[in-house]
Amino acid sequence: MPAAVRLARGQGFDYSCLPEHGELLRVLARGVGAGRIGETGTGCGVGLAWLSAGAHQDAQVVSVERDPERAALAAELFDARPNVEVVQGDVSRLRKYGPFDLLVLDGGGQGKGPDDGPIDPAQWLAPGGLIVMDDFSPLTSWPPRFGEAVDLPRLHWLAHPRLRATQVRVTPEWSALLATYVG
């Protein structure tokens, strides 16, 4: 992790995952065994470093980054890891590497923005596969809210008929959403 954190700081990239979320990613990656792990939004590779630290040596770990410069820097950072690949492009470039046993949606596919539709779990996940998303405030009411409005992206995942989802606080201020694909 230290090399990825240094790279992010050196690039002035302020959107890396929190260490507490990274710990969660490491534990979840360990549970995949020799399966497939995907990530959207490589950034400078901090989350990917946590995933690869927990991943089995035979697991395939693939991350996609839109920004060409960041993708190249992150790819160089993981050059010595034969089971880790960084792909430059948008979220759609990642799909061909699936189906995933663990899929971290941090840079597309969550449905959080107007240009970011949510992925279809049936097309991306293996049976029992897990989706992870971070950067949510802790759930304190139902339906979930973001400010004064219903948090439609979060509600989409929590109420999805093909997923069983929950949230886990990683700090008092931040939570992650975990959703298992049940078909």
N, C-alpha and C. Protein backbone atom coordinates (compact mmCIF):
# COMPACT_ATOMS: atom_id res chain seq x y z
N MET A 1 0.80 -1.20 0.00
CA MET A 1 0.00 0.00 0.00
C MET A 1 0.85 1.27 0.00
N PRO A 2 1.97 1.26 0.70
CA PRO A 2 2.73 2.51 0.77
C PRO A 2 3.10 3.09 -0.59
N ALA A 3 3.48 2.26 -1.55
CA ALA A 3 3.87 2.78 -2.86
C ALA A 3 2.68 3.43 -3.56
N ALA A 4 1.51 2.82 -3.47
CA ALA A 4 0.32 3.39 -4.10
C ALA A 4 -0.10 4.68 -3.41
N VAL A 5 0.01 4.73 -2.09
CA VAL A 5 -0.32 5.95 -1.35
C VAL A 5 0.65 7.06 -1.74
N ARG A 6 1.94 6.75 -1.85
CA ARG A 6 2.92 7.76 -2.27
C ARG A 6 2.61 8.26 -3.68
N LEU A 7 2.26 7.34 -4.57
CA LEU A 7 1.91 7.73 -5.94
C LEU A 7 0.71 8.66 -5.94
N ALA A 8 -0.32 8.33 -5.19
CA ALA A 8 -1.52 9.17 -5.14
C ALA A 8 -1.18 10.56 -4.61
N ARG A 9 -0.40 10.61 -3.55
CA ARG A 9 -0.01 11.92 -2.99
C ARG A 9 0.82 12.71 -3.99
N GLY A 10 1.75 12.04 -4.64
CA GLY A 10 2.60 12.71 -5.63
C GLY A 10 1.82 13.23 -6.82
N GLN A 11 0.72 12.57 -7.16
CA GLN A 11 -0.13 12.99 -8.28
C GLN A 11 -1.21 13.97 -7.84
N GLY A 12 -1.28 14.26 -6.54
CA GLY A 12 -2.34 15.14 -6.03
C GLY A 12 -3.72 14.50 -6.16
N PHE A 13 -3.77 13.17 -6.11
CA PHE A 13 -5.03 12.43 -6.24
C PHE A 13 -5.61 12.20 -4.86
N ASP A 14 -6.72 12.88 -4.58
CA ASP A 14 -7.30 12.88 -3.23
C ASP A 14 -8.46 11.90 -3.06
N TYR A 15 -8.69 11.03 -4.01
CA TYR A 15 -9.89 10.18 -3.96
C TYR A 15 -9.59 8.72 -3.68
N SER A 16 -8.46 8.43 -3.09
CA SER A 16 -8.11 7.04 -2.78
C SER A 16 -8.98 6.52 -1.64
N CYS A 17 -9.10 5.20 -1.56
CA CYS A 17 -9.94 4.62 -0.51
C CYS A 17 -9.30 4.84 0.86
N LEU A 18 -10.16 4.93 1.84
CA LEU A 18 -9.71 5.07 3.22
C LEU A 18 -9.00 3.79 3.66
N PRO A 19 -8.03 3.89 4.57
CA PRO A 19 -7.38 2.68 5.07
C PRO A 19 -8.38 1.69 5.67
N GLU A 20 -9.40 2.20 6.33
CA GLU A 20 -10.40 1.31 6.94
C GLU A 20 -11.17 0.54 5.87
N HIS A 21 -11.47 1.19 4.76
CA HIS A 21 -12.13 0.49 3.66
C HIS A 21 -11.15 -0.48 3.00
N GLY A 22 -9.91 -0.07 2.91
CA GLY A 22 -8.89 -0.96 2.35
C GLY A 22 -8.76 -2.25 3.13
N GLU A 23 -8.82 -2.15 4.45
CA GLU A 23 -8.78 -3.36 5.29
C GLU A 23 -9.92 -4.30 4.94
N LEU A 24 -11.11 -3.74 4.73
CA LEU A 24 -12.27 -4.55 4.34
C LEU A 24 -12.02 -5.21 2.98
N LEU A 25 -11.49 -4.46 2.03
CA LEU A 25 -11.20 -5.02 0.71
C LEU A 25 -10.21 -6.17 0.80
N ARG A 26 -9.19 -6.01 1.63
CA ARG A 26 -8.17 -7.05 1.78
C ARG A 26 -8.80 -8.34 2.31
N VAL A 27 -9.64 -8.22 3.32
CA VAL A 27 -10.31 -9.40 3.89
C VAL A 27 -11.24 -10.05 2.87
N LEU A 28 -12.01 -9.25 2.15
CA LEU A 28 -12.93 -9.80 1.15
C LEU A 28 -12.17 -10.47 0.01
N ALA A 29 -11.06 -9.89 -0.41
CA ALA A 29 -10.25 -10.50 -1.48
C ALA A 29 -9.70 -11.85 -1.03
N ARG A 30 -9.31 -11.94 0.22
CA ARG A 30 -8.78 -13.20 0.74
C ARG A 30 -9.82 -14.32 0.62
N GLY A 31 -11.10 -13.98 0.78
CA GLY A 31 -12.16 -14.97 0.72
C GLY A 31 -12.47 -15.48 -0.67
N VAL A 32 -11.93 -14.86 -1.70
CA VAL A 32 -12.22 -15.26 -3.08
C VAL A 32 -11.45 -16.52 -3.48
N GLY A 33 -10.33 -16.77 -2.86
CA GLY A 33 -9.50 -17.90 -3.28
C GLY A 33 -8.93 -17.63 -4.66
N ALA A 34 -8.96 -18.64 -5.52
CA ALA A 34 -8.37 -18.51 -6.86
C ALA A 34 -9.38 -17.99 -7.88
N GLY A 35 -10.30 -17.15 -7.45
CA GLY A 35 -11.34 -16.63 -8.34
C GLY A 35 -10.96 -15.34 -9.03
N ARG A 36 -11.98 -14.59 -9.42
CA ARG A 36 -11.79 -13.35 -10.18
C ARG A 36 -12.25 -12.15 -9.35
N ILE A 37 -11.38 -11.14 -9.33
CA ILE A 37 -11.65 -9.91 -8.61
C ILE A 37 -11.58 -8.76 -9.60
N GLY A 38 -12.59 -7.89 -9.61
CA GLY A 38 -12.60 -6.73 -10.49
C GLY A 38 -12.79 -5.46 -9.69
N GLU A 39 -12.29 -4.36 -10.26
CA GLU A 39 -12.44 -3.05 -9.62
C GLU A 39 -12.63 -2.01 -10.70
N THR A 40 -13.58 -1.10 -10.49
CA THR A 40 -13.70 0.07 -11.35
C THR A 40 -13.11 1.26 -10.61
N GLY A 41 -12.39 2.11 -11.32
CA GLY A 41 -11.81 3.30 -10.69
C GLY A 41 -10.50 3.01 -9.99
N THR A 42 -9.49 2.59 -10.74
CA THR A 42 -8.18 2.29 -10.18
C THR A 42 -7.58 3.49 -9.46
N GLY A 43 -7.80 4.69 -10.03
CA GLY A 43 -7.11 5.86 -9.49
C GLY A 43 -5.62 5.63 -9.58
N CYS A 44 -4.93 5.80 -8.46
CA CYS A 44 -3.49 5.54 -8.41
C CYS A 44 -3.16 4.19 -7.80
N GLY A 45 -4.17 3.35 -7.61
CA GLY A 45 -3.94 1.98 -7.21
C GLY A 45 -3.99 1.66 -5.74
N VAL A 46 -4.50 2.58 -4.91
CA VAL A 46 -4.53 2.31 -3.47
C VAL A 46 -5.50 1.17 -3.14
N GLY A 47 -6.73 1.25 -3.63
CA GLY A 47 -7.68 0.16 -3.41
C GLY A 47 -7.20 -1.14 -4.02
N LEU A 48 -6.61 -1.05 -5.19
CA LEU A 48 -6.07 -2.22 -5.87
C LEU A 48 -4.94 -2.85 -5.06
N ALA A 49 -4.15 -2.03 -4.40
CA ALA A 49 -3.08 -2.55 -3.54
C ALA A 49 -3.66 -3.36 -2.38
N TRP A 50 -4.74 -2.86 -1.78
CA TRP A 50 -5.40 -3.61 -0.71
C TRP A 50 -5.96 -4.92 -1.25
N LEU A 51 -6.62 -4.87 -2.40
CA LEU A 51 -7.18 -6.09 -3.00
C LEU A 51 -6.08 -7.11 -3.30
N SER A 52 -5.01 -6.65 -3.92
CA SER A 52 -3.94 -7.59 -4.29
C SER A 52 -3.21 -8.12 -3.06
N ALA A 53 -3.17 -7.34 -1.98
CA ALA A 53 -2.54 -7.82 -0.75
C ALA A 53 -3.32 -8.98 -0.14
N GLY A 54 -4.64 -8.98 -0.33
CA GLY A 54 -5.45 -10.06 0.21
C GLY A 54 -5.68 -11.20 -0.75
N ALA A 55 -5.47 -10.95 -2.04
CA ALA A 55 -5.82 -11.94 -3.07
C ALA A 55 -4.90 -13.15 -3.04
N HIS A 56 -5.47 -14.30 -3.29
CA HIS A 56 -4.73 -15.55 -3.47
C HIS A 56 -3.80 -15.39 -4.67
N GLN A 57 -2.65 -16.04 -4.65
CA GLN A 57 -1.70 -15.90 -5.76
C GLN A 57 -2.27 -16.36 -7.09
N ASP A 58 -3.28 -17.22 -7.07
CA ASP A 58 -3.90 -17.68 -8.32
C ASP A 58 -5.17 -16.92 -8.69
N ALA A 59 -5.53 -15.93 -7.90
CA ALA A 59 -6.68 -15.09 -8.24
C ALA A 59 -6.31 -14.17 -9.40
N GLN A 60 -7.28 -13.86 -10.23
CA GLN A 60 -7.09 -12.87 -11.30
C GLN A 60 -7.68 -11.56 -10.78
N VAL A 61 -6.87 -10.51 -10.75
CA VAL A 61 -7.30 -9.21 -10.25
C VAL A 61 -7.16 -8.21 -11.38
N VAL A 62 -8.29 -7.59 -11.77
CA VAL A 62 -8.29 -6.65 -12.89
C VAL A 62 -8.99 -5.37 -12.45
N SER A 63 -8.37 -4.23 -12.75
CA SER A 63 -8.94 -2.94 -12.41
C SER A 63 -8.95 -2.06 -13.64
N VAL A 64 -9.98 -1.23 -13.76
CA VAL A 64 -10.10 -0.34 -14.91
C VAL A 64 -10.08 1.12 -14.45
N GLU A 65 -9.34 1.94 -15.20
CA GLU A 65 -9.21 3.38 -14.90
C GLU A 65 -9.42 4.18 -16.17
N ARG A 66 -10.28 5.19 -16.09
CA ARG A 66 -10.58 6.04 -17.27
C ARG A 66 -9.40 6.91 -17.69
N ASP A 67 -8.73 7.50 -16.72
CA ASP A 67 -7.67 8.45 -17.02
C ASP A 67 -6.43 7.71 -17.53
N PRO A 68 -5.98 8.00 -18.76
CA PRO A 68 -4.84 7.26 -19.33
C PRO A 68 -3.55 7.38 -18.51
N GLU A 69 -3.26 8.57 -18.01
CA GLU A 69 -2.03 8.75 -17.24
C GLU A 69 -2.06 7.95 -15.94
N ARG A 70 -3.17 8.05 -15.21
CA ARG A 70 -3.27 7.29 -13.96
C ARG A 70 -3.24 5.78 -14.23
N ALA A 71 -3.91 5.36 -15.30
CA ALA A 71 -3.91 3.92 -15.64
C ALA A 71 -2.49 3.44 -15.90
N ALA A 72 -1.70 4.22 -16.63
CA ALA A 72 -0.32 3.83 -16.94
C ALA A 72 0.53 3.79 -15.67
N LEU A 73 0.38 4.79 -14.81
CA LEU A 73 1.15 4.81 -13.57
C LEU A 73 0.78 3.64 -12.66
N ALA A 74 -0.50 3.35 -12.55
CA ALA A 74 -0.93 2.23 -11.71
C ALA A 74 -0.46 0.90 -12.30
N ALA A 75 -0.54 0.76 -13.62
CA ALA A 75 -0.08 -0.48 -14.27
C ALA A 75 1.40 -0.71 -13.97
N GLU A 76 2.18 0.35 -14.02
CA GLU A 76 3.61 0.24 -13.71
C GLU A 76 3.84 -0.18 -12.26
N LEU A 77 3.01 0.33 -11.38
CA LEU A 77 3.12 0.01 -9.96
C LEU A 77 2.92 -1.49 -9.69
N PHE A 78 2.06 -2.12 -10.49
CA PHE A 78 1.74 -3.54 -10.28
C PHE A 78 2.41 -4.46 -11.30
N ASP A 79 3.40 -3.95 -11.98
CA ASP A 79 4.12 -4.70 -13.01
C ASP A 79 4.66 -6.04 -12.52
N ALA A 80 5.11 -6.09 -11.30
CA ALA A 80 5.72 -7.32 -10.76
C ALA A 80 4.69 -8.33 -10.27
N ARG A 81 3.42 -7.98 -10.33
CA ARG A 81 2.35 -8.89 -9.88
C ARG A 81 1.69 -9.51 -11.11
N PRO A 82 2.04 -10.73 -11.49
CA PRO A 82 1.51 -11.33 -12.72
C PRO A 82 0.00 -11.56 -12.71
N ASN A 83 -0.61 -11.61 -11.53
CA ASN A 83 -2.05 -11.84 -11.46
C ASN A 83 -2.86 -10.55 -11.35
N VAL A 84 -2.18 -9.39 -11.47
CA VAL A 84 -2.86 -8.09 -11.38
C VAL A 84 -2.70 -7.36 -12.70
N GLU A 85 -3.82 -6.85 -13.22
CA GLU A 85 -3.80 -6.12 -14.49
C GLU A 85 -4.59 -4.82 -14.34
N VAL A 86 -4.04 -3.74 -14.89
CA VAL A 86 -4.74 -2.46 -14.94
C VAL A 86 -5.08 -2.19 -16.40
N VAL A 87 -6.34 -1.91 -16.66
CA VAL A 87 -6.85 -1.66 -18.00
C VAL A 87 -7.29 -0.21 -18.08
N GLN A 88 -6.94 0.47 -19.16
CA GLN A 88 -7.38 1.85 -19.35
C GLN A 88 -8.71 1.85 -20.10
N GLY A 89 -9.68 2.59 -19.56
CA GLY A 89 -10.98 2.71 -20.21
C GLY A 89 -12.08 2.89 -19.18
N ASP A 90 -13.32 2.86 -19.67
CA ASP A 90 -14.45 3.01 -18.75
C ASP A 90 -14.89 1.65 -18.22
N VAL A 91 -15.92 1.65 -17.41
CA VAL A 91 -16.38 0.44 -16.73
C VAL A 91 -16.69 -0.69 -17.71
N SER A 92 -17.14 -0.38 -18.89
CA SER A 92 -17.52 -1.42 -19.86
C SER A 92 -16.34 -2.30 -20.26
N ARG A 93 -15.12 -1.78 -20.19
CA ARG A 93 -13.92 -2.56 -20.55
C ARG A 93 -13.67 -3.71 -19.58
N LEU A 94 -14.20 -3.62 -18.39
CA LEU A 94 -13.93 -4.62 -17.36
C LEU A 94 -14.78 -5.88 -17.52
N ARG A 95 -15.94 -5.75 -18.11
CA ARG A 95 -16.92 -6.85 -18.13
C ARG A 95 -16.36 -8.14 -18.73
N LYS A 96 -15.54 -8.03 -19.76
CA LYS A 96 -15.05 -9.23 -20.44
C LYS A 96 -14.15 -10.10 -19.55
N TYR A 97 -13.68 -9.56 -18.42
CA TYR A 97 -12.83 -10.32 -17.51
C TYR A 97 -13.64 -11.13 -16.50
N GLY A 98 -14.95 -10.93 -16.47
CA GLY A 98 -15.82 -11.62 -15.52
C GLY A 98 -16.19 -13.00 -15.99
N PRO A 99 -17.10 -13.65 -15.32
CA PRO A 99 -17.86 -13.15 -14.17
C PRO A 99 -16.98 -13.09 -12.92
N PHE A 100 -17.29 -12.12 -12.06
CA PHE A 100 -16.46 -11.84 -10.90
C PHE A 100 -17.01 -12.49 -9.64
N ASP A 101 -16.09 -12.91 -8.80
CA ASP A 101 -16.43 -13.39 -7.46
C ASP A 101 -16.48 -12.23 -6.48
N LEU A 102 -15.72 -11.19 -6.79
CA LEU A 102 -15.71 -9.95 -6.01
C LEU A 102 -15.56 -8.81 -6.99
N LEU A 103 -16.46 -7.83 -6.91
CA LEU A 103 -16.43 -6.69 -7.82
C LEU A 103 -16.57 -5.42 -7.00
N VAL A 104 -15.55 -4.58 -7.04
CA VAL A 104 -15.53 -3.32 -6.30
C VAL A 104 -15.89 -2.21 -7.28
N LEU A 105 -17.02 -1.57 -7.04
CA LEU A 105 -17.47 -0.48 -7.92
C LEU A 105 -17.10 0.84 -7.26
N ASP A 106 -16.01 1.42 -7.72
CA ASP A 106 -15.52 2.67 -7.15
C ASP A 106 -15.33 3.74 -8.21
N GLY A 107 -15.48 3.39 -9.46
CA GLY A 107 -15.29 4.38 -10.52
C GLY A 107 -16.19 4.09 -11.70
N GLY A 108 -17.43 3.84 -11.43
CA GLY A 108 -18.40 3.55 -12.47
C GLY A 108 -19.16 2.28 -12.18
N GLY A 109 -20.39 2.25 -12.66
CA GLY A 109 -21.22 1.08 -12.48
C GLY A 109 -22.13 1.12 -11.28
N GLN A 110 -21.97 2.14 -10.41
CA GLN A 110 -22.78 2.22 -9.21
C GLN A 110 -24.15 2.84 -9.45
N GLY A 111 -24.24 3.69 -10.47
CA GLY A 111 -25.47 4.44 -10.70
C GLY A 111 -25.56 5.70 -9.86
N LYS A 112 -24.42 6.20 -9.38
CA LYS A 112 -24.43 7.39 -8.53
C LYS A 112 -24.54 8.70 -9.29
N GLY A 113 -24.21 8.70 -10.57
CA GLY A 113 -24.24 9.96 -11.32
C GLY A 113 -25.09 9.85 -12.56
N PRO A 114 -25.38 10.99 -13.19
CA PRO A 114 -26.25 10.99 -14.37
C PRO A 114 -25.66 10.23 -15.55
N ASP A 115 -24.35 10.14 -15.64
CA ASP A 115 -23.71 9.42 -16.74
C ASP A 115 -23.21 8.05 -16.31
N ASP A 116 -23.70 7.56 -15.19
CA ASP A 116 -23.21 6.31 -14.62
C ASP A 116 -24.39 5.42 -14.26
N GLY A 117 -24.83 4.62 -15.22
CA GLY A 117 -25.91 3.68 -14.94
C GLY A 117 -25.40 2.50 -14.13
N PRO A 118 -26.26 1.91 -13.30
CA PRO A 118 -25.83 0.75 -12.53
C PRO A 118 -25.65 -0.48 -13.41
N ILE A 119 -24.65 -1.26 -13.11
CA ILE A 119 -24.42 -2.50 -13.85
C ILE A 119 -25.54 -3.50 -13.53
N ASP A 120 -25.67 -4.51 -14.38
CA ASP A 120 -26.61 -5.61 -14.13
C ASP A 120 -25.82 -6.75 -13.48
N PRO A 121 -26.09 -7.06 -12.22
CA PRO A 121 -25.31 -8.10 -11.54
C PRO A 121 -25.30 -9.44 -12.29
N ALA A 122 -26.38 -9.78 -12.97
CA ALA A 122 -26.46 -11.06 -13.69
C ALA A 122 -25.43 -11.14 -14.81
N GLN A 123 -25.01 -10.00 -15.34
CA GLN A 123 -24.05 -9.98 -16.43
C GLN A 123 -22.60 -9.83 -15.94
N TRP A 124 -22.42 -9.56 -14.68
CA TRP A 124 -21.09 -9.27 -14.16
C TRP A 124 -20.59 -10.23 -13.09
N LEU A 125 -21.50 -10.85 -12.35
CA LEU A 125 -21.10 -11.63 -11.18
C LEU A 125 -21.32 -13.13 -11.36
N ALA A 126 -20.43 -13.90 -10.76
CA ALA A 126 -20.62 -15.34 -10.64
C ALA A 126 -21.69 -15.57 -9.57
N PRO A 127 -22.36 -16.71 -9.57
CA PRO A 127 -23.30 -17.00 -8.49
C PRO A 127 -22.60 -16.88 -7.13
N GLY A 128 -23.21 -16.14 -6.23
CA GLY A 128 -22.61 -15.89 -4.93
C GLY A 128 -21.58 -14.78 -4.93
N GLY A 129 -21.36 -14.16 -6.10
CA GLY A 129 -20.39 -13.06 -6.20
C GLY A 129 -20.82 -11.86 -5.37
N LEU A 130 -19.85 -11.08 -4.97
CA LEU A 130 -20.09 -9.96 -4.07
C LEU A 130 -19.72 -8.64 -4.74
N ILE A 131 -20.63 -7.67 -4.66
CA ILE A 131 -20.36 -6.29 -5.09
C ILE A 131 -20.06 -5.48 -3.84
N VAL A 132 -19.06 -4.60 -3.93
CA VAL A 132 -18.70 -3.71 -2.84
C VAL A 132 -18.66 -2.29 -3.37
N MET A 133 -19.28 -1.37 -2.65
CA MET A 133 -19.23 0.06 -2.97
C MET A 133 -18.95 0.83 -1.69
N ASP A 134 -18.15 1.88 -1.80
CA ASP A 134 -17.84 2.67 -0.62
C ASP A 134 -18.35 4.10 -0.78
N ASP A 135 -17.94 4.93 0.15
CA ASP A 135 -18.26 6.36 0.13
C ASP A 135 -19.74 6.64 0.38
N PHE A 136 -20.36 5.87 1.25
CA PHE A 136 -21.72 6.15 1.69
C PHE A 136 -21.68 6.64 3.13
N SER A 137 -22.59 7.56 3.46
CA SER A 137 -22.77 7.89 4.87
C SER A 137 -23.54 6.73 5.50
N PRO A 138 -23.37 6.49 6.80
CA PRO A 138 -24.07 5.37 7.42
C PRO A 138 -25.59 5.49 7.29
N LEU A 139 -26.23 4.37 7.08
CA LEU A 139 -27.67 4.29 6.95
C LEU A 139 -28.30 4.50 8.31
N THR A 140 -29.16 5.51 8.43
CA THR A 140 -29.81 5.80 9.72
C THR A 140 -31.33 5.85 9.61
N SER A 141 -31.87 5.70 8.39
CA SER A 141 -33.33 5.73 8.22
C SER A 141 -33.70 4.92 6.98
N TRP A 142 -34.98 4.63 6.86
CA TRP A 142 -35.48 3.95 5.67
C TRP A 142 -36.63 4.75 5.10
N PRO A 143 -36.63 5.02 3.83
CA PRO A 143 -35.59 4.65 2.88
C PRO A 143 -34.32 5.47 3.12
N PRO A 144 -33.19 5.00 2.58
CA PRO A 144 -31.94 5.73 2.78
C PRO A 144 -32.03 7.13 2.16
N ARG A 145 -31.35 8.06 2.79
CA ARG A 145 -31.41 9.44 2.32
C ARG A 145 -30.00 9.96 2.08
N PHE A 146 -29.92 10.89 1.13
CA PHE A 146 -28.70 11.65 0.89
C PHE A 146 -29.13 13.10 0.95
N GLY A 147 -28.76 13.78 2.03
CA GLY A 147 -29.30 15.11 2.25
C GLY A 147 -30.78 15.00 2.56
N GLU A 148 -31.59 15.75 1.83
CA GLU A 148 -33.04 15.74 2.05
C GLU A 148 -33.77 14.76 1.16
N ALA A 149 -33.09 14.20 0.17
CA ALA A 149 -33.76 13.36 -0.83
C ALA A 149 -33.50 11.87 -0.57
N VAL A 150 -34.39 11.05 -1.09
CA VAL A 150 -34.16 9.60 -1.04
C VAL A 150 -32.92 9.30 -1.87
N ASP A 151 -32.03 8.49 -1.33
CA ASP A 151 -30.79 8.11 -2.00
C ASP A 151 -31.10 6.96 -2.97
N LEU A 152 -31.50 7.33 -4.18
CA LEU A 152 -31.94 6.33 -5.16
C LEU A 152 -30.86 5.33 -5.56
N PRO A 153 -29.61 5.76 -5.78
CA PRO A 153 -28.59 4.75 -6.11
C PRO A 153 -28.41 3.71 -5.00
N ARG A 154 -28.35 4.16 -3.76
CA ARG A 154 -28.19 3.22 -2.65
C ARG A 154 -29.43 2.33 -2.53
N LEU A 155 -30.61 2.90 -2.67
CA LEU A 155 -31.85 2.13 -2.60
C LEU A 155 -31.89 1.07 -3.70
N HIS A 156 -31.38 1.43 -4.89
CA HIS A 156 -31.33 0.47 -5.99
C HIS A 156 -30.62 -0.81 -5.57
N TRP A 157 -29.47 -0.68 -4.93
CA TRP A 157 -28.67 -1.84 -4.54
C TRP A 157 -29.26 -2.55 -3.33
N LEU A 158 -29.72 -1.81 -2.35
CA LEU A 158 -30.26 -2.43 -1.14
C LEU A 158 -31.55 -3.20 -1.40
N ALA A 159 -32.34 -2.75 -2.39
CA ALA A 159 -33.63 -3.39 -2.68
C ALA A 159 -33.61 -4.23 -3.95
N HIS A 160 -32.44 -4.43 -4.54
CA HIS A 160 -32.35 -5.17 -5.80
C HIS A 160 -32.84 -6.61 -5.60
N PRO A 161 -33.74 -7.09 -6.46
CA PRO A 161 -34.32 -8.43 -6.25
C PRO A 161 -33.34 -9.59 -6.43
N ARG A 162 -32.21 -9.36 -7.08
CA ARG A 162 -31.25 -10.45 -7.31
C ARG A 162 -30.03 -10.36 -6.38
N LEU A 163 -30.12 -9.45 -5.42
CA LEU A 163 -29.02 -9.25 -4.47
C LEU A 163 -29.53 -9.33 -3.04
N ARG A 164 -28.66 -9.71 -2.14
CA ARG A 164 -28.91 -9.58 -0.71
C ARG A 164 -27.84 -8.62 -0.22
N ALA A 165 -28.29 -7.44 0.22
CA ALA A 165 -27.34 -6.35 0.50
C ALA A 165 -27.44 -5.86 1.93
N THR A 166 -26.32 -5.32 2.39
CA THR A 166 -26.27 -4.67 3.69
C THR A 166 -25.19 -3.60 3.63
N GLN A 167 -25.10 -2.85 4.71
CA GLN A 167 -24.03 -1.86 4.82
C GLN A 167 -23.19 -2.16 6.04
N VAL A 168 -21.92 -1.81 5.95
CA VAL A 168 -20.97 -2.00 7.04
C VAL A 168 -20.28 -0.66 7.28
N ARG A 169 -20.29 -0.20 8.51
CA ARG A 169 -19.55 1.03 8.83
C ARG A 169 -18.07 0.70 8.87
N VAL A 170 -17.30 1.51 8.15
CA VAL A 170 -15.84 1.34 8.20
C VAL A 170 -15.21 2.41 9.09
N THR A 171 -15.92 3.51 9.29
CA THR A 171 -15.57 4.55 10.27
C THR A 171 -16.91 5.08 10.80
N PRO A 172 -16.90 5.91 11.82
CA PRO A 172 -18.17 6.48 12.26
C PRO A 172 -18.87 7.32 11.18
N GLU A 173 -18.10 7.85 10.23
CA GLU A 173 -18.67 8.73 9.21
C GLU A 173 -18.93 8.05 7.87
N TRP A 174 -18.34 6.89 7.62
CA TRP A 174 -18.41 6.26 6.30
C TRP A 174 -18.81 4.80 6.39
N SER A 175 -19.55 4.37 5.37
CA SER A 175 -19.94 2.97 5.30
C SER A 175 -19.71 2.43 3.90
N ALA A 176 -19.68 1.12 3.81
CA ALA A 176 -19.58 0.43 2.53
C ALA A 176 -20.81 -0.44 2.36
N LEU A 177 -21.24 -0.57 1.14
CA LEU A 177 -22.38 -1.42 0.81
C LEU A 177 -21.83 -2.73 0.26
N LEU A 178 -22.33 -3.85 0.75
CA LEU A 178 -21.94 -5.17 0.27
C LEU A 178 -23.20 -5.88 -0.20
N ALA A 179 -23.15 -6.45 -1.39
CA ALA A 179 -24.32 -7.12 -1.96
C ALA A 179 -23.91 -8.43 -2.61
N THR A 180 -24.54 -9.52 -2.20
CA THR A 180 -24.27 -10.84 -2.75
C THR A 180 -25.28 -11.16 -3.84
N TYR A 181 -24.78 -11.63 -4.97
CA TYR A 181 -25.64 -12.00 -6.10
C TYR A 181 -26.24 -13.38 -5.83
N VAL A 182 -27.56 -13.44 -5.79
CA VAL A 182 -28.26 -14.70 -5.52
C VAL A 182 -29.01 -15.22 -6.73
N GLY A 183 -28.84 -14.57 -7.87
CA GLY A 183 -29.44 -15.04 -9.12
C GLY A 183 -30.89 -14.75 -9.31
